[in-house]
Amino acid sequence: MMPTIQSTIDAIFIGQARAFGPNVEVSAIQKQQVWDAVSVTTSGLQGDEQGDKLYHGGPDKAVHHYPSEHYAIWRAQFGDDAASRFCPGGFGENISTSGWTEHRVCIGDVFMLGTAILQVTQARQPCWKLNLRFENNHMASIVQNSLRTGWYYRVLQAGSVAPGDSLRLLDRTQPDWSLARLLHHLYIDTMNAQAMQAMSELEELTPSWRKIAQDRLSKGIVEDWQRRLQTPAII
């Protein structure tokens, strides 16, 4: 049964790509809150940029959502010294709400965001830019292990969204595949053949994630995560 919860958009964030990494790698993770309506296109929110378009952005990762309630957990874990960083916008998300988490959202869920219609495509894969963002060399790994990653949407119908608008679930095609379950098999129960086969057949899941499942089945090994998780050395 689909949950009937309807959340309010608490905050909207967009950012511009700029030098961020130790070797002048570019990122738009440092987003700024906006207060007016923003157009939502198949490329994402108007004015939002991506620094590394090979791994960020694109039609299947057009909009990033991070649950606001996770920040209280991070603040409790890291203490008052980190409070200024662990607040909405900290993970480079575009939209912030409470009420929807990885346990309540499923792959393929279709939502109305303001007047736009979006579909959940994948969870976020944490990368080393979180290490720099939170001044912790292990932050990407910590987020990965926590399974509190946030998720991405593709835009099925363009529209607009403003703070105070609603996020409402319209359709659920994969009720057995919550993001929490997907992340569990991606990062914990990594070689579960039955789960990998099922993941490889999820049409709503991004092609790159279906390929991860297919490669694990065919190669019998888990892909290397180190390049994604470790901050690059200065060269």
Protein backbone atom coordinates (compact mmCIF):
# COMPACT_ATOMS: atom_id res chain seq x y z
CA MET A 1 0.00 0.00 0.00
CA MET A 2 1.30 3.44 -0.91
CA PRO A 3 1.92 5.83 1.98
CA THR A 4 -0.34 8.86 1.79
CA ILE A 5 2.16 11.26 3.29
CA GLN A 6 2.53 14.64 1.61
CA SER A 7 5.55 16.68 2.60
CA THR A 8 6.26 20.36 2.36
CA ILE A 9 9.33 21.58 0.53
CA ASP A 10 11.25 23.19 3.37
CA ALA A 11 14.14 24.51 1.28
CA ILE A 12 15.47 24.61 -2.27
CA PHE A 13 19.16 24.84 -3.15
CA ILE A 14 21.11 25.49 -6.33
CA GLY A 15 24.84 25.91 -6.88
CA GLN A 16 27.47 26.89 -9.40
CA ALA A 17 30.47 24.76 -10.30
CA ARG A 18 33.75 26.05 -8.90
CA ALA A 19 37.19 24.83 -7.89
CA PHE A 20 36.82 22.62 -4.84
CA GLY A 21 39.22 19.65 -4.76
CA PRO A 22 42.92 19.43 -3.83
CA ASN A 23 43.90 19.54 -7.51
CA VAL A 24 41.38 22.22 -8.49
CA GLU A 25 38.72 19.61 -9.20
CA VAL A 26 35.42 21.33 -9.84
CA SER A 27 32.24 20.81 -7.82
CA ALA A 28 28.88 22.50 -7.21
CA ILE A 29 28.32 20.85 -3.82
CA GLN A 30 28.36 24.25 -2.09
CA LYS A 31 24.80 25.21 -2.95
CA GLN A 32 22.89 28.29 -1.88
CA GLN A 33 19.30 28.44 -0.67
CA VAL A 34 16.79 30.17 -2.95
CA TRP A 35 13.51 31.68 -1.87
CA ASP A 36 11.54 32.06 -5.08
CA ALA A 37 10.03 29.63 -7.56
CA VAL A 38 12.54 27.71 -9.70
CA SER A 39 11.91 26.03 -13.05
CA VAL A 40 12.33 22.26 -13.06
CA THR A 41 13.53 20.86 -16.41
CA THR A 42 14.81 17.47 -17.53
CA SER A 43 18.30 18.79 -16.72
CA GLY A 44 17.36 19.77 -13.16
CA LEU A 45 16.63 23.02 -11.38
CA GLN A 46 17.24 26.17 -13.38
CA GLY A 47 20.54 27.73 -12.35
CA ASP A 48 21.94 24.56 -10.80
CA GLU A 49 25.24 23.24 -12.14
CA GLN A 50 27.39 20.12 -11.87
CA GLY A 51 31.16 20.16 -11.69
CA ASP A 52 31.86 16.64 -12.95
CA LYS A 53 29.22 15.76 -15.52
CA LEU A 54 30.63 12.27 -15.98
CA TYR A 55 29.38 11.26 -12.52
CA HIS A 56 26.93 14.01 -11.57
CA GLY A 57 23.84 15.41 -13.20
CA GLY A 58 22.26 14.23 -16.42
CA PRO A 59 18.66 13.13 -17.01
CA ASP A 60 18.75 10.29 -14.45
CA LYS A 61 20.29 12.46 -11.72
CA ALA A 62 18.56 15.74 -12.43
CA VAL A 63 17.40 16.54 -8.88
CA HIS A 64 19.00 15.52 -5.58
CA HIS A 65 16.91 15.06 -2.42
CA TYR A 66 18.32 14.66 1.10
CA PRO A 67 16.06 14.12 4.16
CA SER A 68 16.34 16.95 6.66
CA GLU A 69 15.82 14.62 9.63
CA HIS A 70 19.17 12.95 8.96
CA TYR A 71 21.02 16.08 10.04
CA ALA A 72 20.02 15.64 13.68
CA ILE A 73 21.57 12.17 13.58
CA TRP A 74 24.80 13.53 12.11
CA ARG A 75 24.97 16.32 14.68
CA ALA A 76 24.48 13.83 17.50
CA GLN A 77 27.26 11.67 16.04
CA PHE A 78 29.80 14.43 15.45
CA GLY A 79 28.94 16.92 18.17
CA ASP A 80 28.40 20.65 18.43
CA ASP A 81 31.60 21.50 16.58
CA ALA A 82 30.07 20.10 13.39
CA ALA A 83 26.63 21.65 13.84
CA SER A 84 27.21 24.47 11.38
CA ARG A 85 27.98 22.01 8.59
CA PHE A 86 25.28 19.43 9.35
CA CYS A 87 22.24 21.45 8.33
CA PRO A 88 20.01 21.40 5.22
CA GLY A 89 22.06 22.02 2.09
CA GLY A 90 25.12 20.39 3.62
CA PHE A 91 25.05 17.38 1.32
CA GLY A 92 24.63 19.48 -1.79
CA GLU A 93 20.96 18.56 -2.15
CA ASN A 94 18.49 20.50 -4.28
CA ILE A 95 15.43 19.91 -2.12
CA SER A 96 14.98 19.36 1.60
CA THR A 97 11.93 17.83 3.27
CA SER A 98 11.05 15.80 6.34
CA GLY A 99 8.93 12.68 6.27
CA TRP A 100 10.55 10.88 3.35
CA THR A 101 13.65 8.76 4.00
CA GLU A 102 15.42 5.87 2.29
CA HIS A 103 13.16 3.48 4.20
CA ARG A 104 9.97 5.08 2.86
CA VAL A 105 11.00 5.85 -0.73
CA CYS A 106 11.19 3.15 -3.39
CA ILE A 107 12.94 2.93 -6.74
CA GLY A 108 10.56 4.15 -9.43
CA ASP A 109 8.35 6.19 -7.10
CA VAL A 110 6.67 9.00 -9.00
CA PHE A 111 6.22 12.28 -7.15
CA MET A 112 4.66 15.64 -7.90
CA LEU A 113 7.14 18.33 -6.88
CA GLY A 114 5.36 21.65 -7.09
CA THR A 115 3.97 21.42 -10.62
CA ALA A 116 6.70 19.09 -11.93
CA ILE A 117 6.54 15.29 -11.98
CA LEU A 118 9.66 13.36 -10.95
CA GLN A 119 10.67 9.69 -10.65
CA VAL A 120 13.17 8.19 -8.21
CA THR A 121 16.08 6.67 -10.14
CA GLN A 122 18.81 5.72 -7.67
CA ALA A 123 20.32 6.50 -4.30
CA ARG A 124 23.39 8.69 -4.07
CA GLN A 125 26.82 7.10 -4.21
CA PRO A 126 28.93 9.06 -1.70
CA CYS A 127 32.24 10.36 -3.02
CA TRP A 128 35.36 12.00 -1.62
CA LYS A 129 33.93 15.50 -2.03
CA LEU A 130 31.99 14.82 1.17
CA ASN A 131 35.35 14.36 2.91
CA LEU A 132 36.26 17.93 2.04
CA ARG A 133 32.78 19.31 2.65
CA PHE A 134 32.70 17.98 6.23
CA GLU A 135 36.44 18.17 6.92
CA ASN A 136 36.66 14.44 7.63
CA ASN A 137 38.81 12.15 5.49
CA HIS A 138 36.44 9.24 6.09
CA MET A 139 33.11 10.99 5.62
CA ALA A 140 32.24 9.40 2.29
CA SER A 141 32.76 5.94 3.77
CA ILE A 142 30.81 6.87 6.89
CA VAL A 143 27.85 8.04 4.80
CA GLN A 144 28.01 4.93 2.65
CA ASN A 145 28.00 2.65 5.69
CA SER A 146 25.14 4.59 7.29
CA LEU A 147 22.93 4.12 4.20
CA ARG A 148 21.74 7.72 4.75
CA THR A 149 22.74 8.83 1.28
CA GLY A 150 19.76 10.67 -0.18
CA TRP A 151 18.57 9.98 -3.72
CA TYR A 152 18.07 11.29 -7.24
CA TYR A 153 15.14 11.90 -9.56
CA ARG A 154 14.60 12.07 -13.29
CA VAL A 155 12.09 14.68 -14.47
CA LEU A 156 9.10 13.16 -16.27
CA GLN A 157 7.24 16.45 -16.67
CA ALA A 158 8.78 19.90 -16.40
CA GLY A 159 7.26 22.46 -14.07
CA SER A 160 8.28 24.71 -11.22
CA VAL A 161 8.76 24.47 -7.49
CA ALA A 162 8.96 27.00 -4.67
CA PRO A 163 9.60 26.70 -0.93
CA GLY A 164 6.34 25.74 0.76
CA ASP A 165 5.10 23.70 -2.21
CA SER A 166 4.25 20.05 -1.64
CA LEU A 167 5.98 16.80 -2.56
CA ARG A 168 3.28 14.19 -3.11
CA LEU A 169 3.57 10.53 -4.08
CA LEU A 170 1.59 9.76 -7.24
CA ASP A 171 2.58 6.18 -8.09
CA ARG A 172 4.64 3.29 -6.74
CA THR A 173 5.71 0.54 -9.14
CA GLN A 174 8.35 -1.25 -7.02
CA PRO A 175 7.02 -1.49 -3.46
CA ASP A 176 9.48 -4.27 -2.60
CA TRP A 177 12.49 -2.13 -3.52
CA SER A 178 12.90 0.62 -0.98
CA LEU A 179 16.08 2.64 -1.28
CA ALA A 180 17.16 1.18 2.05
CA ARG A 181 16.96 -2.31 0.58
CA LEU A 182 18.79 -1.23 -2.56
CA LEU A 183 21.59 0.35 -0.52
CA HIS A 184 21.82 -2.71 1.71
CA HIS A 185 22.57 -4.91 -1.29
CA LEU A 186 24.83 -2.34 -2.90
CA TYR A 187 27.08 -1.83 0.14
CA ILE A 188 26.49 -4.61 2.69
CA ASP A 189 25.06 -7.83 1.24
CA THR A 190 27.03 -7.17 -1.91
CA MET A 191 27.11 -10.56 -3.61
CA ASN A 192 23.55 -11.76 -3.06
CA ALA A 193 22.92 -13.34 -6.45
CA GLN A 194 19.14 -13.25 -6.18
CA ALA A 195 19.16 -9.57 -5.26
CA MET A 196 21.69 -8.72 -7.98
CA GLN A 197 19.55 -10.44 -10.59
CA ALA A 198 16.47 -8.57 -9.42
CA MET A 199 18.35 -5.25 -9.41
CA SER A 200 19.60 -5.83 -12.94
CA GLU A 201 15.98 -6.16 -14.08
CA LEU A 202 14.59 -3.03 -12.40
CA GLU A 203 13.59 -0.90 -15.38
CA GLU A 204 13.19 2.23 -13.26
CA LEU A 205 16.74 1.97 -11.90
CA THR A 206 19.45 3.93 -13.72
CA PRO A 207 21.32 1.89 -16.36
CA SER A 208 24.64 2.42 -14.55
CA TRP A 209 23.28 0.79 -11.39
CA ARG A 210 21.74 -2.10 -13.30
CA LYS A 211 25.17 -2.61 -14.85
CA ILE A 212 26.76 -2.77 -11.39
CA ALA A 213 24.46 -5.67 -10.55
CA GLN A 214 25.11 -7.35 -13.91
CA ASP A 215 28.88 -7.02 -13.52
CA ARG A 216 28.84 -8.52 -10.03
CA LEU A 217 26.92 -11.48 -11.37
CA SER A 218 29.19 -12.01 -14.38
CA LYS A 219 32.55 -11.24 -12.73
CA GLY A 220 31.87 -12.62 -9.25
CA ILE A 221 33.51 -9.62 -7.55
CA VAL A 222 32.49 -6.25 -6.12
CA GLU A 223 33.70 -3.17 -7.97
CA ASP A 224 36.51 -1.10 -6.44
CA TRP A 225 35.18 1.77 -4.30
CA GLN A 226 38.46 3.36 -3.29
CA ARG A 227 38.80 5.91 -6.08
CA ARG A 228 35.32 7.20 -5.29
CA LEU A 229 35.76 7.30 -1.51
CA GLN A 230 39.35 8.47 -1.04
CA THR A 231 40.29 12.13 -1.43
CA PRO A 232 42.82 12.46 -4.27
CA ALA A 233 46.42 13.10 -3.32
CA ILE A 234 47.84 16.50 -4.23
CA ILE A 235 49.78 16.31 -7.47
